[in-house]
Amino acid sequence: MQAKSRHYTKLLKIQNLIRIREKIEIEISRRNLITIEDENSYLCALMESGSKADFIDAVLLSRRLERNRRTKSSLQAKIIHEIKDLLQISRRCDMLKARQYEAKYQEKAKEFTAMLEEYVAARCQNSPCVKSSSIPASLKFN
């Protein structure tokens, strides 16, 4: 039975690593989105001051803004998808934690039951081969 709780512990560690990776990917996508927004504001400022910056072509700026718009929309969709994945992984982690807790509880209950059965067998059996030192002090009657 201990193998079951250890199995859940290993699965939980793996899922936590996956959850951390997803969080990092979301953060990277958000930073890329912020970078695109900063670049867009800079390009718009360049277009507004077109007379000062004659060396930059307006068509080039508009193409870059259009490409940034497409990239921004794809990044937003990617972030939404990554957040959904993160929520699924978080739910999976919660489920594994609950199963791990249940497995540990069952293990402790079985250990306690076995210990109690040993104690009852020792108390009921008045043979000289049963030593009172094998019975835990917390379960001894005085």
N, C-alpha and C. Protein backbone atom coordinates (compact mmCIF):
# COMPACT_ATOMS: atom_id res chain seq x y z
N MET A 1 0.82 -1.19 0.00
CA MET A 1 0.00 0.00 0.00
C MET A 1 0.86 1.26 0.00
N GLN A 2 2.06 1.16 0.61
CA GLN A 2 2.93 2.32 0.60
C GLN A 2 3.37 2.65 -0.81
N ALA A 3 3.43 1.66 -1.64
CA ALA A 3 3.81 1.90 -3.03
C ALA A 3 2.79 2.81 -3.71
N LYS A 4 1.53 2.69 -3.31
CA LYS A 4 0.50 3.52 -3.93
C LYS A 4 0.69 4.99 -3.57
N SER A 5 0.97 5.28 -2.30
CA SER A 5 1.18 6.68 -1.92
C SER A 5 2.47 7.22 -2.52
N ARG A 6 3.50 6.37 -2.60
CA ARG A 6 4.74 6.82 -3.25
C ARG A 6 4.51 7.09 -4.73
N HIS A 7 3.68 6.26 -5.35
CA HIS A 7 3.33 6.46 -6.76
C HIS A 7 2.63 7.81 -6.94
N TYR A 8 1.67 8.11 -6.06
CA TYR A 8 0.98 9.40 -6.14
C TYR A 8 1.94 10.56 -5.86
N THR A 9 2.89 10.36 -4.97
CA THR A 9 3.88 11.41 -4.69
C THR A 9 4.72 11.70 -5.92
N LYS A 10 5.15 10.65 -6.61
CA LYS A 10 5.94 10.84 -7.83
C LYS A 10 5.12 11.54 -8.91
N LEU A 11 3.88 11.10 -9.08
CA LEU A 11 3.01 11.74 -10.07
C LEU A 11 2.78 13.21 -9.74
N LEU A 12 2.62 13.49 -8.46
CA LEU A 12 2.40 14.87 -8.03
C LEU A 12 3.62 15.74 -8.30
N LYS A 13 4.81 15.20 -8.07
CA LYS A 13 6.04 15.95 -8.37
C LYS A 13 6.13 16.26 -9.86
N ILE A 14 5.82 15.27 -10.68
CA ILE A 14 5.87 15.48 -12.13
C ILE A 14 4.86 16.54 -12.56
N GLN A 15 3.64 16.45 -12.03
CA GLN A 15 2.61 17.42 -12.40
C GLN A 15 2.97 18.82 -11.90
N ASN A 16 3.61 18.92 -10.75
CA ASN A 16 4.05 20.23 -10.26
C ASN A 16 5.11 20.83 -11.17
N LEU A 17 6.01 19.99 -11.67
CA LEU A 17 7.02 20.48 -12.61
C LEU A 17 6.37 20.96 -13.91
N ILE A 18 5.38 20.22 -14.38
CA ILE A 18 4.66 20.63 -15.59
C ILE A 18 3.93 21.94 -15.34
N ARG A 19 3.34 22.08 -14.14
CA ARG A 19 2.62 23.31 -13.80
C ARG A 19 3.58 24.50 -13.77
N ILE A 20 4.76 24.31 -13.22
CA ILE A 20 5.75 25.38 -13.18
C ILE A 20 6.18 25.75 -14.59
N ARG A 21 6.38 24.75 -15.45
CA ARG A 21 6.75 25.03 -16.84
C ARG A 21 5.66 25.84 -17.55
N GLU A 22 4.40 25.48 -17.32
CA GLU A 22 3.29 26.22 -17.93
C GLU A 22 3.26 27.66 -17.44
N LYS A 23 3.51 27.87 -16.16
CA LYS A 23 3.54 29.24 -15.62
C LYS A 23 4.65 30.05 -16.29
N ILE A 24 5.79 29.42 -16.48
CA ILE A 24 6.91 30.11 -17.13
C ILE A 24 6.55 30.45 -18.58
N GLU A 25 5.92 29.52 -19.28
CA GLU A 25 5.52 29.78 -20.67
C GLU A 25 4.51 30.92 -20.75
N ILE A 26 3.58 30.97 -19.81
CA ILE A 26 2.61 32.08 -19.79
C ILE A 26 3.32 33.39 -19.55
N GLU A 27 4.27 33.40 -18.63
CA GLU A 27 5.00 34.63 -18.34
C GLU A 27 5.82 35.08 -19.55
N ILE A 28 6.43 34.15 -20.25
CA ILE A 28 7.20 34.50 -21.46
C ILE A 28 6.27 35.10 -22.51
N SER A 29 5.12 34.49 -22.70
CA SER A 29 4.16 35.01 -23.69
C SER A 29 3.67 36.40 -23.31
N ARG A 30 3.42 36.61 -22.03
CA ARG A 30 2.98 37.94 -21.58
C ARG A 30 4.06 38.98 -21.79
N ARG A 31 5.29 38.60 -21.52
CA ARG A 31 6.40 39.56 -21.75
C ARG A 31 6.56 39.86 -23.24
N ASN A 32 6.39 38.86 -24.08
CA ASN A 32 6.44 39.10 -25.53
C ASN A 32 5.32 40.03 -25.96
N LEU A 33 4.15 39.87 -25.36
CA LEU A 33 3.02 40.74 -25.66
C LEU A 33 3.32 42.18 -25.24
N ILE A 34 3.92 42.35 -24.09
CA ILE A 34 4.29 43.69 -23.62
C ILE A 34 5.33 44.31 -24.55
N THR A 35 6.27 43.50 -25.01
CA THR A 35 7.29 43.99 -25.94
C THR A 35 6.65 44.47 -27.24
N ILE A 36 5.70 43.72 -27.74
CA ILE A 36 5.01 44.12 -28.98
C ILE A 36 4.23 45.41 -28.76
N GLU A 37 3.57 45.53 -27.63
CA GLU A 37 2.82 46.76 -27.34
C GLU A 37 3.75 47.96 -27.24
N ASP A 38 4.91 47.77 -26.61
CA ASP A 38 5.89 48.86 -26.53
C ASP A 38 6.40 49.24 -27.93
N GLU A 39 6.66 48.24 -28.74
CA GLU A 39 7.12 48.51 -30.10
C GLU A 39 6.04 49.23 -30.91
N ASN A 40 4.79 48.82 -30.73
CA ASN A 40 3.69 49.49 -31.44
C ASN A 40 3.57 50.95 -31.04
N SER A 41 3.70 51.23 -29.75
CA SER A 41 3.61 52.63 -29.32
C SER A 41 4.78 53.44 -29.88
N TYR A 42 5.96 52.84 -29.95
CA TYR A 42 7.11 53.54 -30.53
C TYR A 42 6.90 53.78 -32.03
N LEU A 43 6.39 52.77 -32.74
CA LEU A 43 6.15 52.93 -34.18
C LEU A 43 5.07 53.97 -34.46
N CYS A 44 4.04 53.99 -33.63
CA CYS A 44 3.00 55.01 -33.80
C CYS A 44 3.56 56.41 -33.55
N ALA A 45 4.44 56.52 -32.57
CA ALA A 45 5.07 57.81 -32.31
C ALA A 45 5.94 58.23 -33.50
N LEU A 46 6.61 57.26 -34.13
CA LEU A 46 7.41 57.57 -35.32
C LEU A 46 6.53 58.02 -36.48
N MET A 47 5.37 57.40 -36.64
CA MET A 47 4.46 57.78 -37.73
C MET A 47 3.89 59.17 -37.50
N GLU A 48 3.62 59.52 -36.24
CA GLU A 48 3.07 60.84 -35.94
C GLU A 48 4.10 61.93 -36.20
N SER A 49 5.35 61.62 -35.93
CA SER A 49 6.41 62.60 -36.20
C SER A 49 7.09 62.28 -37.52
N GLY A 50 6.29 62.07 -38.55
CA GLY A 50 6.79 61.66 -39.86
C GLY A 50 7.68 62.71 -40.50
N SER A 51 7.41 63.98 -40.26
CA SER A 51 8.23 65.01 -40.90
C SER A 51 9.63 65.04 -40.31
N LYS A 52 9.77 64.64 -39.06
CA LYS A 52 11.10 64.65 -38.43
C LYS A 52 11.91 63.43 -38.84
N ALA A 53 11.24 62.31 -39.07
CA ALA A 53 11.93 61.07 -39.39
C ALA A 53 11.64 60.68 -40.83
N ASP A 54 12.23 61.38 -41.77
CA ASP A 54 12.01 61.09 -43.18
C ASP A 54 12.75 59.84 -43.64
N PHE A 55 13.72 59.40 -42.88
CA PHE A 55 14.50 58.24 -43.29
C PHE A 55 13.74 56.92 -43.10
N ILE A 56 12.62 56.94 -42.39
CA ILE A 56 11.82 55.73 -42.18
C ILE A 56 10.59 55.80 -43.08
N ASP A 57 10.40 54.78 -43.87
CA ASP A 57 9.29 54.73 -44.81
C ASP A 57 7.99 54.42 -44.07
N ALA A 58 6.92 55.13 -44.40
CA ALA A 58 5.62 54.94 -43.76
C ALA A 58 5.03 53.57 -44.10
N VAL A 59 5.30 53.09 -45.31
CA VAL A 59 4.80 51.77 -45.71
C VAL A 59 5.47 50.68 -44.86
N LEU A 60 6.76 50.85 -44.62
CA LEU A 60 7.48 49.90 -43.79
C LEU A 60 6.91 49.89 -42.37
N LEU A 61 6.63 51.08 -41.84
CA LEU A 61 6.05 51.17 -40.50
C LEU A 61 4.67 50.51 -40.44
N SER A 62 3.87 50.75 -41.46
CA SER A 62 2.52 50.15 -41.46
C SER A 62 2.59 48.63 -41.59
N ARG A 63 3.54 48.12 -42.37
CA ARG A 63 3.71 46.67 -42.48
C ARG A 63 4.12 46.07 -41.13
N ARG A 64 5.04 46.77 -40.49
CA ARG A 64 5.50 46.29 -39.18
C ARG A 64 4.35 46.31 -38.17
N LEU A 65 3.55 47.34 -38.19
CA LEU A 65 2.39 47.42 -37.29
C LEU A 65 1.39 46.31 -37.58
N GLU A 66 1.19 46.01 -38.85
CA GLU A 66 0.27 44.94 -39.23
C GLU A 66 0.80 43.58 -38.76
N ARG A 67 2.09 43.37 -38.95
CA ARG A 67 2.69 42.11 -38.47
C ARG A 67 2.60 42.00 -36.95
N ASN A 68 2.83 43.10 -36.27
CA ASN A 68 2.71 43.11 -34.81
C ASN A 68 1.27 42.82 -34.37
N ARG A 69 0.29 43.33 -35.14
CA ARG A 69 -1.11 43.08 -34.80
C ARG A 69 -1.42 41.59 -34.90
N ARG A 70 -0.94 40.95 -35.97
CA ARG A 70 -1.17 39.52 -36.13
C ARG A 70 -0.46 38.72 -35.04
N THR A 71 0.78 39.11 -34.75
CA THR A 71 1.54 38.43 -33.70
C THR A 71 0.87 38.60 -32.34
N LYS A 72 0.36 39.80 -32.11
CA LYS A 72 -0.30 40.09 -30.84
C LYS A 72 -1.56 39.23 -30.68
N SER A 73 -2.34 39.11 -31.74
CA SER A 73 -3.56 38.30 -31.65
C SER A 73 -3.22 36.81 -31.45
N SER A 74 -2.17 36.34 -32.12
CA SER A 74 -1.78 34.94 -31.93
C SER A 74 -1.22 34.71 -30.52
N LEU A 75 -0.49 35.69 -29.99
CA LEU A 75 0.01 35.57 -28.63
C LEU A 75 -1.12 35.56 -27.61
N GLN A 76 -2.12 36.39 -27.84
CA GLN A 76 -3.27 36.41 -26.93
C GLN A 76 -4.00 35.07 -26.94
N ALA A 77 -4.16 34.50 -28.12
CA ALA A 77 -4.79 33.18 -28.21
C ALA A 77 -3.93 32.12 -27.53
N LYS A 78 -2.62 32.23 -27.70
CA LYS A 78 -1.70 31.29 -27.07
C LYS A 78 -1.77 31.40 -25.55
N ILE A 79 -1.85 32.62 -25.04
CA ILE A 79 -1.94 32.83 -23.59
C ILE A 79 -3.23 32.22 -23.05
N ILE A 80 -4.33 32.41 -23.76
CA ILE A 80 -5.60 31.83 -23.32
C ILE A 80 -5.51 30.31 -23.28
N HIS A 81 -4.91 29.73 -24.31
CA HIS A 81 -4.75 28.27 -24.36
C HIS A 81 -3.84 27.79 -23.22
N GLU A 82 -2.75 28.52 -22.96
CA GLU A 82 -1.83 28.13 -21.89
C GLU A 82 -2.49 28.24 -20.53
N ILE A 83 -3.34 29.24 -20.34
CA ILE A 83 -4.04 29.39 -19.07
C ILE A 83 -5.00 28.22 -18.87
N LYS A 84 -5.69 27.81 -19.93
CA LYS A 84 -6.58 26.64 -19.82
C LYS A 84 -5.78 25.39 -19.46
N ASP A 85 -4.62 25.22 -20.09
CA ASP A 85 -3.77 24.08 -19.77
C ASP A 85 -3.31 24.13 -18.31
N LEU A 86 -2.95 25.33 -17.86
CA LEU A 86 -2.51 25.49 -16.47
C LEU A 86 -3.63 25.14 -15.50
N LEU A 87 -4.85 25.54 -15.81
CA LEU A 87 -5.98 25.20 -14.94
C LEU A 87 -6.21 23.69 -14.90
N GLN A 88 -6.08 23.03 -16.04
CA GLN A 88 -6.23 21.57 -16.07
C GLN A 88 -5.16 20.89 -15.22
N ILE A 89 -3.94 21.37 -15.36
CA ILE A 89 -2.84 20.78 -14.59
C ILE A 89 -3.03 21.04 -13.11
N SER A 90 -3.51 22.22 -12.76
CA SER A 90 -3.76 22.53 -11.34
C SER A 90 -4.85 21.62 -10.78
N ARG A 91 -5.90 21.40 -11.55
CA ARG A 91 -6.95 20.48 -11.09
C ARG A 91 -6.40 19.07 -10.94
N ARG A 92 -5.55 18.67 -11.86
CA ARG A 92 -4.94 17.34 -11.78
C ARG A 92 -4.06 17.23 -10.52
N CYS A 93 -3.32 18.30 -10.21
CA CYS A 93 -2.49 18.31 -9.00
C CYS A 93 -3.36 18.19 -7.75
N ASP A 94 -4.47 18.93 -7.72
CA ASP A 94 -5.37 18.85 -6.57
C ASP A 94 -5.94 17.44 -6.42
N MET A 95 -6.30 16.83 -7.53
CA MET A 95 -6.84 15.47 -7.49
C MET A 95 -5.78 14.49 -6.98
N LEU A 96 -4.54 14.64 -7.45
CA LEU A 96 -3.48 13.76 -6.99
C LEU A 96 -3.17 13.96 -5.51
N LYS A 97 -3.24 15.21 -5.04
CA LYS A 97 -3.03 15.47 -3.62
C LYS A 97 -4.10 14.76 -2.79
N ALA A 98 -5.34 14.82 -3.25
CA ALA A 98 -6.42 14.16 -2.52
C ALA A 98 -6.22 12.64 -2.52
N ARG A 99 -5.84 12.09 -3.64
CA ARG A 99 -5.62 10.64 -3.71
C ARG A 99 -4.42 10.23 -2.86
N GLN A 100 -3.38 11.07 -2.87
CA GLN A 100 -2.21 10.77 -2.05
C GLN A 100 -2.58 10.79 -0.57
N TYR A 101 -3.36 11.78 -0.17
CA TYR A 101 -3.81 11.87 1.22
C TYR A 101 -4.63 10.65 1.60
N GLU A 102 -5.53 10.25 0.71
CA GLU A 102 -6.37 9.07 0.97
C GLU A 102 -5.52 7.81 1.08
N ALA A 103 -4.53 7.66 0.21
CA ALA A 103 -3.66 6.48 0.26
C ALA A 103 -2.86 6.45 1.56
N LYS A 104 -2.34 7.61 1.98
CA LYS A 104 -1.60 7.66 3.25
C LYS A 104 -2.52 7.35 4.42
N TYR A 105 -3.74 7.85 4.36
CA TYR A 105 -4.70 7.59 5.43
C TYR A 105 -5.01 6.09 5.51
N GLN A 106 -5.19 5.46 4.37
CA GLN A 106 -5.46 4.02 4.34
C GLN A 106 -4.26 3.22 4.87
N GLU A 107 -3.05 3.67 4.52
CA GLU A 107 -1.85 3.00 5.02
C GLU A 107 -1.77 3.08 6.54
N LYS A 108 -2.02 4.27 7.07
CA LYS A 108 -1.97 4.44 8.52
C LYS A 108 -3.07 3.63 9.20
N ALA A 109 -4.24 3.58 8.59
CA ALA A 109 -5.33 2.80 9.17
C ALA A 109 -4.98 1.31 9.18
N LYS A 110 -4.36 0.82 8.11
CA LYS A 110 -3.96 -0.59 8.07
C LYS A 110 -2.88 -0.88 9.10
N GLU A 111 -1.92 0.05 9.25
CA GLU A 111 -0.87 -0.14 10.25
C GLU A 111 -1.48 -0.17 11.65
N PHE A 112 -2.40 0.74 11.91
CA PHE A 112 -3.03 0.78 13.22
C PHE A 112 -3.85 -0.48 13.47
N THR A 113 -4.56 -0.94 12.46
CA THR A 113 -5.35 -2.17 12.58
C THR A 113 -4.45 -3.36 12.88
N ALA A 114 -3.34 -3.46 12.18
CA ALA A 114 -2.41 -4.56 12.41
C ALA A 114 -1.83 -4.49 13.81
N MET A 115 -1.48 -3.29 14.26
CA MET A 115 -0.93 -3.12 15.59
C MET A 115 -1.97 -3.48 16.65
N LEU A 116 -3.21 -3.07 16.42
CA LEU A 116 -4.29 -3.38 17.35
C LEU A 116 -4.56 -4.88 17.40
N GLU A 117 -4.53 -5.53 16.26
CA GLU A 117 -4.73 -6.98 16.22
C GLU A 117 -3.61 -7.71 16.96
N GLU A 118 -2.39 -7.24 16.80
CA GLU A 118 -1.27 -7.84 17.54
C GLU A 118 -1.46 -7.67 19.03
N TYR A 119 -1.89 -6.50 19.43
CA TYR A 119 -2.09 -6.24 20.85
C TYR A 119 -3.20 -7.12 21.42
N VAL A 120 -4.31 -7.20 20.71
CA VAL A 120 -5.43 -8.02 21.17
C VAL A 120 -5.02 -9.48 21.23
N ALA A 121 -4.29 -9.94 20.23
CA ALA A 121 -3.82 -11.32 20.23
C ALA A 121 -2.88 -11.57 21.41
N ALA A 122 -2.05 -10.61 21.72
CA ALA A 122 -1.12 -10.76 22.84
C ALA A 122 -1.86 -10.74 24.17
N ARG A 123 -2.88 -9.91 24.29
CA ARG A 123 -3.64 -9.83 25.54
C ARG A 123 -4.49 -11.08 25.75
N CYS A 124 -5.05 -11.61 24.68
CA CYS A 124 -5.92 -12.78 24.79
C CYS A 124 -5.13 -14.06 24.98
N GLN A 125 -3.94 -14.03 24.56
CA GLN A 125 -3.10 -15.22 24.61
C GLN A 125 -2.22 -15.11 25.85
N ASN A 126 -2.46 -15.89 26.83
CA ASN A 126 -1.69 -15.83 28.08
C ASN A 126 -0.54 -16.82 28.05
N SER A 127 0.19 -16.81 27.00
CA SER A 127 1.31 -17.73 26.91
C SER A 127 2.58 -17.01 27.33
N PRO A 128 3.55 -17.74 27.84
CA PRO A 128 4.79 -17.11 28.29
C PRO A 128 5.67 -16.63 27.13
N CYS A 129 5.38 -17.02 25.91
CA CYS A 129 6.22 -16.59 24.79
C CYS A 129 5.91 -15.16 24.35
N VAL A 130 4.76 -14.64 24.79
CA VAL A 130 4.41 -13.27 24.42
C VAL A 130 5.05 -12.34 25.43
N LYS A 131 5.87 -11.46 24.96
CA LYS A 131 6.55 -10.52 25.84
C LYS A 131 5.80 -9.20 25.84
N SER A 132 5.69 -8.61 27.00
CA SER A 132 4.98 -7.33 27.08
C SER A 132 5.81 -6.21 26.48
N SER A 133 7.11 -6.45 26.27
CA SER A 133 7.95 -5.41 25.68
C SER A 133 7.65 -5.22 24.20
N SER A 134 7.01 -6.21 23.56
CA SER A 134 6.67 -6.06 22.15
C SER A 134 5.42 -5.22 21.95
N ILE A 135 4.69 -4.97 23.03
CA ILE A 135 3.48 -4.16 22.95
C ILE A 135 3.86 -2.70 23.18
N PRO A 136 3.41 -1.81 22.34
CA PRO A 136 3.73 -0.40 22.52
C PRO A 136 3.21 0.11 23.86
N ALA A 137 3.96 1.01 24.47
CA ALA A 137 3.61 1.53 25.79
C ALA A 137 2.29 2.28 25.77
N SER A 138 1.95 2.88 24.64
CA SER A 138 0.71 3.65 24.56
C SER A 138 -0.52 2.76 24.60
N LEU A 139 -0.36 1.46 24.32
CA LEU A 139 -1.50 0.55 24.29
C LEU A 139 -1.58 -0.37 25.51
N LYS A 140 -0.64 -0.27 26.43
CA LYS A 140 -0.63 -1.15 27.60
C LYS A 140 -1.67 -0.70 28.61
N PHE A 141 -2.32 -1.68 29.22
CA PHE A 141 -3.24 -1.42 30.32
C PHE A 141 -2.49 -1.63 31.63
N ASN A 142 -2.64 -0.73 32.52
CA ASN A 142 -1.99 -0.88 33.83
C ASN A 142 -3.00 -0.98 34.92
